[in-house]
Amino acid sequence: MSRHKLTEWDFWRRVDKEQACWIYCGGKTVEGRFKGHIPRRVVWRWKHGARSLSPDIWVLYACGEPRCVNPTHLYLGTPGDNWRRRRELGRVE
């Protein structure tokens, strides 16, 4: 866990909710980071009251938009589930 306090206000002020996919705009990489954390994992923990998630459990996005943090688009899966989904979306060969 980062030494920085994670606040929902800080997080949600960096999210564009204009479309069905809520885009986290806080980082410069595809998935961005929120004080060192993957934004989808932060939202999942807040929504479900989880203090942490096992590293082998990933928070995936049903919509196909990697920056999406809309809780209704998120689900838990494995790295294998992620690869299968990426293939379905044509993102890997």
PDB file of N, CA and C in Angstrom:
ATOM      1  N   MET A   1       0.837  -1.179   0.000  1.00  0.00           N
ATOM      2  CA  MET A   1       0.000   0.000   0.000  1.00  0.00           C
ATOM      3  C   MET A   1       0.880   1.239   0.000  1.00  0.00           C
ATOM      4  N   SER A   2       0.506   2.190  -0.751  1.00  0.00           N
ATOM      5  CA  SER A   2       1.222   3.453  -0.823  1.00  0.00           C
ATOM      6  C   SER A   2       1.151   4.177   0.516  1.00  0.00           C
ATOM      7  N   ARG A   3       2.120   5.010   0.790  1.00  0.00           N
ATOM      8  CA  ARG A   3       2.079   5.783   2.029  1.00  0.00           C
ATOM      9  C   ARG A   3       1.127   6.975   1.914  1.00  0.00           C
ATOM     10  N   HIS A   4       0.688   7.273   0.682  1.00  0.00           N
ATOM     11  CA  HIS A   4      -0.262   8.359   0.468  1.00  0.00           C
ATOM     12  C   HIS A   4      -1.673   7.873   0.783  1.00  0.00           C
ATOM     13  N   LYS A   5      -2.432   8.716   1.439  1.00  0.00           N
ATOM     14  CA  LYS A   5      -3.814   8.356   1.741  1.00  0.00           C
ATOM     15  C   LYS A   5      -4.659   8.411   0.467  1.00  0.00           C
ATOM     16  N   LEU A   6      -5.407   7.352   0.223  1.00  0.00           N
ATOM     17  CA  LEU A   6      -6.298   7.297  -0.933  1.00  0.00           C
ATOM     18  C   LEU A   6      -7.638   7.907  -0.551  1.00  0.00           C
ATOM     19  N   THR A   7      -7.995   8.993  -1.191  1.00  0.00           N
ATOM     20  CA  THR A   7      -9.283   9.610  -0.896  1.00  0.00           C
ATOM     21  C   THR A   7     -10.173   9.501  -2.122  1.00  0.00           C
ATOM     22  N   GLU A   8     -11.422   9.219  -1.877  1.00  0.00           N
ATOM     23  CA  GLU A   8     -12.356   9.094  -2.990  1.00  0.00           C
ATOM     24  C   GLU A   8     -12.513  10.421  -3.719  1.00  0.00           C
ATOM     25  N   TRP A   9     -12.511  11.518  -2.995  1.00  0.00           N
ATOM     26  CA  TRP A   9     -12.639  12.819  -3.640  1.00  0.00           C
ATOM     27  C   TRP A   9     -11.500  13.036  -4.623  1.00  0.00           C
ATOM     28  N   ASP A  10     -10.268  12.766  -4.197  1.00  0.00           N
ATOM     29  CA  ASP A  10      -9.090  12.889  -5.065  1.00  0.00           C
ATOM     30  C   ASP A  10      -9.244  12.033  -6.316  1.00  0.00           C
ATOM     31  N   PHE A  11      -9.726  10.828  -6.115  1.00  0.00           N
ATOM     32  CA  PHE A  11      -9.872   9.894  -7.225  1.00  0.00           C
ATOM     33  C   PHE A  11     -10.944  10.351  -8.210  1.00  0.00           C
ATOM     34  N   TRP A  12     -12.160  10.559  -7.723  1.00  0.00           N
ATOM     35  CA  TRP A  12     -13.293  10.828  -8.615  1.00  0.00           C
ATOM     36  C   TRP A  12     -13.185  12.167  -9.334  1.00  0.00           C
ATOM     37  N   ARG A  13     -12.408  13.100  -8.816  1.00  0.00           N
ATOM     38  CA  ARG A  13     -12.227  14.363  -9.535  1.00  0.00           C
ATOM     39  C   ARG A  13     -11.367  14.171 -10.785  1.00  0.00           C
ATOM     40  N   ARG A  14     -10.735  13.007 -10.917  1.00  0.00           N
ATOM     41  CA  ARG A  14      -9.911  12.685 -12.082  1.00  0.00           C
ATOM     42  C   ARG A  14     -10.638  11.758 -13.070  1.00  0.00           C
ATOM     43  N   VAL A  15     -11.929  11.586 -12.895  1.00  0.00           N
ATOM     44  CA  VAL A  15     -12.700  10.657 -13.723  1.00  0.00           C
ATOM     45  C   VAL A  15     -13.692  11.432 -14.589  1.00  0.00           C
ATOM     46  N   ASP A  16     -13.670  11.125 -15.886  1.00  0.00           N
ATOM     47  CA  ASP A  16     -14.627  11.702 -16.834  1.00  0.00           C
ATOM     48  C   ASP A  16     -15.814  10.749 -16.931  1.00  0.00           C
ATOM     49  N   LYS A  17     -16.982  11.172 -16.469  1.00  0.00           N
ATOM     50  CA  LYS A  17     -18.189  10.341 -16.448  1.00  0.00           C
ATOM     51  C   LYS A  17     -19.178  10.736 -17.545  1.00  0.00           C
ATOM     52  N   GLU A  18     -18.706  11.327 -18.606  1.00  0.00           N
ATOM     53  CA  GLU A  18     -19.586  11.804 -19.671  1.00  0.00           C
ATOM     54  C   GLU A  18     -20.182  10.685 -20.523  1.00  0.00           C
ATOM     55  N   GLN A  19     -19.576   9.530 -20.560  1.00  0.00           N
ATOM     56  CA  GLN A  19     -20.037   8.402 -21.376  1.00  0.00           C
ATOM     57  C   GLN A  19     -20.340   7.206 -20.466  1.00  0.00           C
ATOM     58  N   ALA A  20     -20.728   6.096 -21.073  1.00  0.00           N
ATOM     59  CA  ALA A  20     -20.978   4.872 -20.294  1.00  0.00           C
ATOM     60  C   ALA A  20     -19.704   4.392 -19.602  1.00  0.00           C
ATOM     61  N   CYS A  21     -18.576   4.501 -20.300  1.00  0.00           N
ATOM     62  CA  CYS A  21     -17.285   4.184 -19.682  1.00  0.00           C
ATOM     63  C   CYS A  21     -16.814   5.422 -18.936  1.00  0.00           C
ATOM     64  N   TRP A  22     -16.495   5.247 -17.668  1.00  0.00           N
ATOM     65  CA  TRP A  22     -15.968   6.346 -16.869  1.00  0.00           C
ATOM     66  C   TRP A  22     -14.455   6.267 -16.971  1.00  0.00           C
ATOM     67  N   ILE A  23     -13.846   7.256 -17.589  1.00  0.00           N
ATOM     68  CA  ILE A  23     -12.422   7.218 -17.897  1.00  0.00           C
ATOM     69  C   ILE A  23     -11.605   7.900 -16.810  1.00  0.00           C
ATOM     70  N   TYR A  24     -10.675   7.129 -16.250  1.00  0.00           N
ATOM     71  CA  TYR A  24      -9.743   7.692 -15.275  1.00  0.00           C
ATOM     72  C   TYR A  24      -8.693   8.481 -16.039  1.00  0.00           C
ATOM     73  N   CYS A  25      -8.580   9.763 -15.767  1.00  0.00           N
ATOM     74  CA  CYS A  25      -7.684  10.666 -16.505  1.00  0.00           C
ATOM     75  C   CYS A  25      -6.476  11.087 -15.675  1.00  0.00           C
ATOM     76  N   GLY A  26      -6.175  10.362 -14.630  1.00  0.00           N
ATOM     77  CA  GLY A  26      -5.117  10.794 -13.716  1.00  0.00           C
ATOM     78  C   GLY A  26      -3.718  10.364 -14.069  1.00  0.00           C
ATOM     79  N   GLY A  27      -3.543   9.432 -15.010  1.00  0.00           N
ATOM     80  CA  GLY A  27      -2.204   8.965 -15.324  1.00  0.00           C
ATOM     81  C   GLY A  27      -1.884   9.121 -16.791  1.00  0.00           C
ATOM     82  N   LYS A  28      -0.599   9.027 -17.115  1.00  0.00           N
ATOM     83  CA  LYS A  28      -0.180   9.177 -18.504  1.00  0.00           C
ATOM     84  C   LYS A  28      -0.074   7.840 -19.228  1.00  0.00           C
ATOM     85  N   THR A  29      -0.075   6.725 -18.510  1.00  0.00           N
ATOM     86  CA  THR A  29      -0.015   5.419 -19.149  1.00  0.00           C
ATOM     87  C   THR A  29      -1.425   4.974 -19.499  1.00  0.00           C
ATOM     88  N   VAL A  30      -1.557   3.876 -20.247  1.00  0.00           N
ATOM     89  CA  VAL A  30      -2.884   3.383 -20.641  1.00  0.00           C
ATOM     90  C   VAL A  30      -3.752   3.146 -19.419  1.00  0.00           C
ATOM     91  N   GLU A  31      -3.216   2.472 -18.416  1.00  0.00           N
ATOM     92  CA  GLU A  31      -4.056   2.188 -17.258  1.00  0.00           C
ATOM     93  C   GLU A  31      -3.938   3.288 -16.213  1.00  0.00           C
ATOM     94  N   GLY A  32      -2.907   4.134 -16.303  1.00  0.00           N
ATOM     95  CA  GLY A  32      -2.741   5.218 -15.341  1.00  0.00           C
ATOM     96  C   GLY A  32      -2.506   4.665 -13.951  1.00  0.00           C
ATOM     97  N   ARG A  33      -2.263   5.499 -13.033  1.00  0.00           N
ATOM     98  CA  ARG A  33      -2.095   5.088 -11.636  1.00  0.00           C
ATOM     99  C   ARG A  33      -2.732   6.137 -10.751  1.00  0.00           C
ATOM    100  N   PHE A  34      -3.237   5.692  -9.616  1.00  0.00           N
ATOM    101  CA  PHE A  34      -3.758   6.596  -8.613  1.00  0.00           C
ATOM    102  C   PHE A  34      -2.925   6.384  -7.370  1.00  0.00           C
ATOM    103  N   LYS A  35      -1.982   7.286  -7.140  1.00  0.00           N
ATOM    104  CA  LYS A  35      -1.070   7.190  -5.992  1.00  0.00           C
ATOM    105  C   LYS A  35      -0.436   5.805  -5.917  1.00  0.00           C
ATOM    106  N   GLY A  36       0.003   5.304  -7.077  1.00  0.00           N
ATOM    107  CA  GLY A  36       0.691   4.023  -7.136  1.00  0.00           C
ATOM    108  C   GLY A  36      -0.203   2.816  -7.313  1.00  0.00           C
ATOM    109  N   HIS A  37      -1.500   2.993  -7.356  1.00  0.00           N
ATOM    110  CA  HIS A  37      -2.439   1.876  -7.439  1.00  0.00           C
ATOM    111  C   HIS A  37      -3.147   1.864  -8.789  1.00  0.00           C
ATOM    112  N   ILE A  38      -3.496   0.676  -9.256  1.00  0.00           N
ATOM    113  CA  ILE A  38      -4.269   0.548 -10.488  1.00  0.00           C
ATOM    114  C   ILE A  38      -5.699   1.018 -10.193  1.00  0.00           C
ATOM    115  N   PRO A  39      -6.180   2.016 -10.921  1.00  0.00           N
ATOM    116  CA  PRO A  39      -7.492   2.597 -10.608  1.00  0.00           C
ATOM    117  C   PRO A  39      -8.644   1.590 -10.516  1.00  0.00           C
ATOM    118  N   ARG A  40      -8.685   0.598 -11.416  1.00  0.00           N
ATOM    119  CA  ARG A  40      -9.783  -0.390 -11.352  1.00  0.00           C
ATOM    120  C   ARG A  40      -9.782  -1.130 -10.020  1.00  0.00           C
ATOM    121  N   ARG A  41      -8.595  -1.451  -9.508  1.00  0.00           N
ATOM    122  CA  ARG A  41      -8.498  -2.158  -8.223  1.00  0.00           C
ATOM    123  C   ARG A  41      -8.975  -1.271  -7.079  1.00  0.00           C
ATOM    124  N   VAL A  42      -8.649   0.017  -7.150  1.00  0.00           N
ATOM    125  CA  VAL A  42      -9.093   0.971  -6.127  1.00  0.00           C
ATOM    126  C   VAL A  42     -10.619   1.008  -6.088  1.00  0.00           C
ATOM    127  N   VAL A  43     -11.247   1.151  -7.254  1.00  0.00           N
ATOM    128  CA  VAL A  43     -12.710   1.223  -7.328  1.00  0.00           C
ATOM    129  C   VAL A  43     -13.332  -0.076  -6.826  1.00  0.00           C
ATOM    130  N   TRP A  44     -12.790  -1.210  -7.220  1.00  0.00           N
ATOM    131  CA  TRP A  44     -13.329  -2.502  -6.776  1.00  0.00           C
ATOM    132  C   TRP A  44     -13.293  -2.594  -5.251  1.00  0.00           C
ATOM    133  N   ARG A  45     -12.160  -2.235  -4.666  1.00  0.00           N
ATOM    134  CA  ARG A  45     -12.039  -2.315  -3.205  1.00  0.00           C
ATOM    135  C   ARG A  45     -13.033  -1.379  -2.528  1.00  0.00           C
ATOM    136  N   TRP A  46     -13.197  -0.160  -3.036  1.00  0.00           N
ATOM    137  CA  TRP A  46     -14.159   0.765  -2.439  1.00  0.00           C
ATOM    138  C   TRP A  46     -15.578   0.248  -2.569  1.00  0.00           C
ATOM    139  N   LYS A  47     -15.918  -0.255  -3.744  1.00  0.00           N
ATOM    140  CA  LYS A  47     -17.297  -0.712  -3.985  1.00  0.00           C
ATOM    141  C   LYS A  47     -17.648  -1.935  -3.142  1.00  0.00           C
ATOM    142  N   HIS A  48     -16.698  -2.839  -2.980  1.00  0.00           N
ATOM    143  CA  HIS A  48     -16.973  -4.111  -2.308  1.00  0.00           C
ATOM    144  C   HIS A  48     -16.430  -4.183  -0.881  1.00  0.00           C
ATOM    145  N   GLY A  49     -15.857  -3.094  -0.402  1.00  0.00           N
ATOM    146  CA  GLY A  49     -15.362  -3.076   0.967  1.00  0.00           C
ATOM    147  C   GLY A  49     -14.167  -3.979   1.200  1.00  0.00           C
ATOM    148  N   ALA A  50     -13.462  -4.328   0.148  1.00  0.00           N
ATOM    149  CA  ALA A  50     -12.298  -5.210   0.281  1.00  0.00           C
ATOM    150  C   ALA A  50     -11.079  -4.378   0.671  1.00  0.00           C
ATOM    151  N   ARG A  51     -10.351  -4.848   1.653  1.00  0.00           N
ATOM    152  CA  ARG A  51      -9.141  -4.133   2.058  1.00  0.00           C
ATOM    153  C   ARG A  51      -8.024  -4.339   1.050  1.00  0.00           C
ATOM    154  N   SER A  52      -7.974  -5.521   0.463  1.00  0.00           N
ATOM    155  CA  SER A  52      -6.966  -5.792  -0.557  1.00  0.00           C
ATOM    156  C   SER A  52      -7.437  -6.961  -1.416  1.00  0.00           C
ATOM    157  N   LEU A  53      -6.773  -7.138  -2.534  1.00  0.00           N
ATOM    158  CA  LEU A  53      -7.042  -8.257  -3.424  1.00  0.00           C
ATOM    159  C   LEU A  53      -5.745  -9.015  -3.627  1.00  0.00           C
ATOM    160  N   SER A  54      -5.853 -10.303  -3.758  1.00  0.00           N
ATOM    161  CA  SER A  54      -4.688 -11.130  -4.042  1.00  0.00           C
ATOM    162  C   SER A  54      -4.078 -10.697  -5.379  1.00  0.00           C
ATOM    163  N   PRO A  55      -2.754 -10.689  -5.493  1.00  0.00           N
ATOM    164  CA  PRO A  55      -2.129 -10.289  -6.763  1.00  0.00           C
ATOM    165  C   PRO A  55      -2.519 -11.177  -7.945  1.00  0.00           C
ATOM    166  N   ASP A  56      -2.942 -12.423  -7.680  1.00  0.00           N
ATOM    167  CA  ASP A  56      -3.325 -13.308  -8.785  1.00  0.00           C
ATOM    168  C   ASP A  56      -4.789 -13.138  -9.195  1.00  0.00           C
ATOM    169  N   ILE A  57      -5.495 -12.224  -8.533  1.00  0.00           N
ATOM    170  CA  ILE A  57      -6.858 -11.871  -8.936  1.00  0.00           C
ATOM    171  C   ILE A  57      -6.796 -10.473  -9.542  1.00  0.00           C
ATOM    172  N   TRP A  58      -7.268 -10.369 -10.761  1.00  0.00           N
ATOM    173  CA  TRP A  58      -7.242  -9.094 -11.472  1.00  0.00           C
ATOM    174  C   TRP A  58      -8.634  -8.509 -11.548  1.00  0.00           C
ATOM    175  N   VAL A  59      -8.714  -7.193 -11.613  1.00  0.00           N
ATOM    176  CA  VAL A  59      -9.981  -6.512 -11.863  1.00  0.00           C
ATOM    177  C   VAL A  59      -9.998  -6.203 -13.359  1.00  0.00           C
ATOM    178  N   LEU A  60     -10.908  -6.849 -14.064  1.00  0.00           N
ATOM    179  CA  LEU A  60     -11.009  -6.725 -15.515  1.00  0.00           C
ATOM    180  C   LEU A  60     -12.185  -5.830 -15.879  1.00  0.00           C
ATOM    181  N   TYR A  61     -12.262  -5.434 -17.138  1.00  0.00           N
ATOM    182  CA  TYR A  61     -13.294  -4.520 -17.602  1.00  0.00           C
ATOM    183  C   TYR A  61     -14.044  -5.164 -18.757  1.00  0.00           C
ATOM    184  N   ALA A  62     -15.344  -5.264 -18.626  1.00  0.00           N
ATOM    185  CA  ALA A  62     -16.181  -5.914 -19.633  1.00  0.00           C
ATOM    186  C   ALA A  62     -16.326  -5.080 -20.896  1.00  0.00           C
ATOM    187  N   CYS A  63     -16.139  -3.790 -20.786  1.00  0.00           N
ATOM    188  CA  CYS A  63     -16.395  -2.872 -21.900  1.00  0.00           C
ATOM    189  C   CYS A  63     -15.269  -2.830 -22.929  1.00  0.00           C
ATOM    190  N   GLY A  64     -14.089  -3.281 -22.587  1.00  0.00           N
ATOM    191  CA  GLY A  64     -12.969  -3.235 -23.521  1.00  0.00           C
ATOM    192  C   GLY A  64     -12.151  -1.962 -23.440  1.00  0.00           C
ATOM    193  N   GLU A  65     -12.483  -1.053 -22.547  1.00  0.00           N
ATOM    194  CA  GLU A  65     -11.749   0.209 -22.376  1.00  0.00           C
ATOM    195  C   GLU A  65     -10.860   0.107 -21.131  1.00  0.00           C
ATOM    196  N   PRO A  66      -9.533  -0.021 -21.322  1.00  0.00           N
ATOM    197  CA  PRO A  66      -8.638  -0.231 -20.177  1.00  0.00           C
ATOM    198  C   PRO A  66      -8.661   0.865 -19.112  1.00  0.00           C
ATOM    199  N   ARG A  67      -9.036   2.075 -19.479  1.00  0.00           N
ATOM    200  CA  ARG A  67      -9.048   3.175 -18.508  1.00  0.00           C
ATOM    201  C   ARG A  67     -10.380   3.318 -17.777  1.00  0.00           C
ATOM    202  N   CYS A  68     -11.349   2.465 -18.120  1.00  0.00           N
ATOM    203  CA  CYS A  68     -12.686   2.555 -17.531  1.00  0.00           C
ATOM    204  C   CYS A  68     -12.669   2.141 -16.060  1.00  0.00           C
ATOM    205  N   VAL A  69     -13.341   2.959 -15.233  1.00  0.00           N
ATOM    206  CA  VAL A  69     -13.470   2.647 -13.814  1.00  0.00           C
ATOM    207  C   VAL A  69     -14.947   2.631 -13.381  1.00  0.00           C
ATOM    208  N   ASN A  70     -15.853   2.520 -14.357  1.00  0.00           N
ATOM    209  CA  ASN A  70     -17.273   2.416 -14.029  1.00  0.00           C
ATOM    210  C   ASN A  70     -17.476   1.080 -13.308  1.00  0.00           C
ATOM    211  N   PRO A  71     -17.919   1.110 -12.047  1.00  0.00           N
ATOM    212  CA  PRO A  71     -18.054  -0.135 -11.283  1.00  0.00           C
ATOM    213  C   PRO A  71     -18.923  -1.185 -11.959  1.00  0.00           C
ATOM    214  N   THR A  72     -19.899  -0.762 -12.778  1.00  0.00           N
ATOM    215  CA  THR A  72     -20.767  -1.735 -13.444  1.00  0.00           C
ATOM    216  C   THR A  72     -20.054  -2.447 -14.599  1.00  0.00           C
ATOM    217  N   HIS A  73     -18.896  -1.963 -15.001  1.00  0.00           N
ATOM    218  CA  HIS A  73     -18.129  -2.583 -16.080  1.00  0.00           C
ATOM    219  C   HIS A  73     -17.017  -3.490 -15.558  1.00  0.00           C
ATOM    220  N   LEU A  74     -16.810  -3.543 -14.257  1.00  0.00           N
ATOM    221  CA  LEU A  74     -15.681  -4.259 -13.670  1.00  0.00           C
ATOM    222  C   LEU A  74     -16.089  -5.624 -13.131  1.00  0.00           C
ATOM    223  N   TYR A  75     -15.172  -6.573 -13.273  1.00  0.00           N
ATOM    224  CA  TYR A  75     -15.385  -7.908 -12.715  1.00  0.00           C
ATOM    225  C   TYR A  75     -14.037  -8.526 -12.384  1.00  0.00           C
ATOM    226  N   LEU A  76     -14.041  -9.533 -11.520  1.00  0.00           N
ATOM    227  CA  LEU A  76     -12.801 -10.196 -11.130  1.00  0.00           C
ATOM    228  C   LEU A  76     -12.478 -11.329 -12.085  1.00  0.00           C
ATOM    229  N   GLY A  77     -11.200 -11.536 -12.316  1.00  0.00           N
ATOM    230  CA  GLY A  77     -10.746 -12.621 -13.177  1.00  0.00           C
ATOM    231  C   GLY A  77      -9.288 -12.938 -12.904  1.00  0.00           C
ATOM    232  N   THR A  78      -8.757 -13.796 -13.727  1.00  0.00           N
ATOM    233  CA  THR A  78      -7.357 -14.215 -13.609  1.00  0.00           C
ATOM    234  C   THR A  78      -6.569 -13.634 -14.783  1.00  0.00           C
ATOM    235  N   PRO A  79      -5.250 -13.729 -14.722  1.00  0.00           N
ATOM    236  CA  PRO A  79      -4.467 -13.311 -15.892  1.00  0.00           C
ATOM    237  C   PRO A  79      -4.882 -14.073 -17.152  1.00  0.00           C
ATOM    238  N   GLY A  80      -5.234 -15.356 -17.022  1.00  0.00           N
ATOM    239  CA  GLY A  80      -5.705 -16.135 -18.170  1.00  0.00           C
ATOM    240  C   GLY A  80      -6.994 -15.585 -18.742  1.00  0.00           C
ATOM    241  N   ASP A  81      -7.912 -15.187 -17.860  1.00  0.00           N
ATOM    242  CA  ASP A  81      -9.159 -14.559 -18.317  1.00  0.00           C
ATOM    243  C   ASP A  81      -8.855 -13.276 -19.082  1.00  0.00           C
ATOM    244  N   ASN A  82      -7.889 -12.523 -18.601  1.00  0.00           N
ATOM    245  CA  ASN A  82      -7.504 -11.275 -19.260  1.00  0.00           C
ATOM    246  C   ASN A  82      -6.962 -11.548 -20.662  1.00  0.00           C
ATOM    247  N   TRP A  83      -6.098 -12.546 -20.806  1.00  0.00           N
ATOM    248  CA  TRP A  83      -5.549 -12.874 -22.137  1.00  0.00           C
ATOM    249  C   TRP A  83      -6.642 -13.325 -23.092  1.00  0.00           C
ATOM    250  N   ARG A  84      -7.566 -14.148 -22.593  1.00  0.00           N
ATOM    251  CA  ARG A  84      -8.683 -14.586 -23.447  1.00  0.00           C
ATOM    252  C   ARG A  84      -9.504 -13.387 -23.915  1.00  0.00           C
ATOM    253  N   ARG A  85      -9.789 -12.483 -23.020  1.00  0.00           N
ATOM    254  CA  ARG A  85     -10.579 -11.296 -23.372  1.00  0.00           C
ATOM    255  C   ARG A  85      -9.821 -10.404 -24.361  1.00  0.00           C
ATOM    256  N   ARG A  86      -8.535 -10.249 -24.163  1.00  0.00           N
ATOM    257  CA  ARG A  86      -7.732  -9.441 -25.087  1.00  0.00           C
ATOM    258  C   ARG A  86      -7.733 -10.053 -26.487  1.00  0.00           C
ATOM    259  N   ARG A  87      -7.677 -11.372 -26.559  1.00  0.00           N
ATOM    260  CA  ARG A  87      -7.745 -12.040 -27.870  1.00  0.00           C
ATOM    261  C   ARG A  87      -9.106 -11.800 -28.515  1.00  0.00           C
ATOM    262  N   GLU A  88     -10.172 -11.915 -27.712  1.00  0.00           N
ATOM    263  CA  GLU A  88     -11.528 -11.673 -28.231  1.00  0.00           C
ATOM    264  C   GLU A  88     -11.648 -10.253 -28.815  1.00  0.00           C
ATOM    265  N   LEU A  89     -10.989  -9.293 -28.183  1.00  0.00           N
ATOM    266  CA  LEU A  89     -11.055  -7.909 -28.635  1.00  0.00           C
ATOM    267  C   LEU A  89     -10.049  -7.592 -29.734  1.00  0.00           C
ATOM    268  N   GLY A  90      -9.239  -8.606 -30.124  1.00  0.00           N
ATOM    269  CA  GLY A  90      -8.252  -8.410 -31.179  1.00  0.00           C
ATOM    270  C   GLY A  90      -7.035  -7.619 -30.752  1.00  0.00           C
ATOM    271  N   ARG A  91      -6.716  -7.654 -29.462  1.00  0.00           N
ATOM    272  CA  ARG A  91      -5.572  -6.895 -28.966  1.00  0.00           C
ATOM    273  C   ARG A  91      -4.282  -7.700 -28.899  1.00  0.00           C
ATOM    274  N   VAL A  92      -4.366  -9.013 -29.105  1.00  0.00           N
ATOM    275  CA  VAL A  92      -3.181  -9.876 -29.181  1.00  0.00           C
ATOM    276  C   VAL A  92      -3.392 -10.877 -30.289  1.00  0.00           C
ATOM    277  N   GLU A  93      -2.313 -11.422 -30.782  1.00  0.00           N
ATOM    278  CA  GLU A  93      -2.425 -12.425 -31.862  1.00  0.00           C
ATOM    279  C   GLU A  93      -2.629 -13.805 -31.292  1.00  0.00           C
TER     280      GLU A  93
END
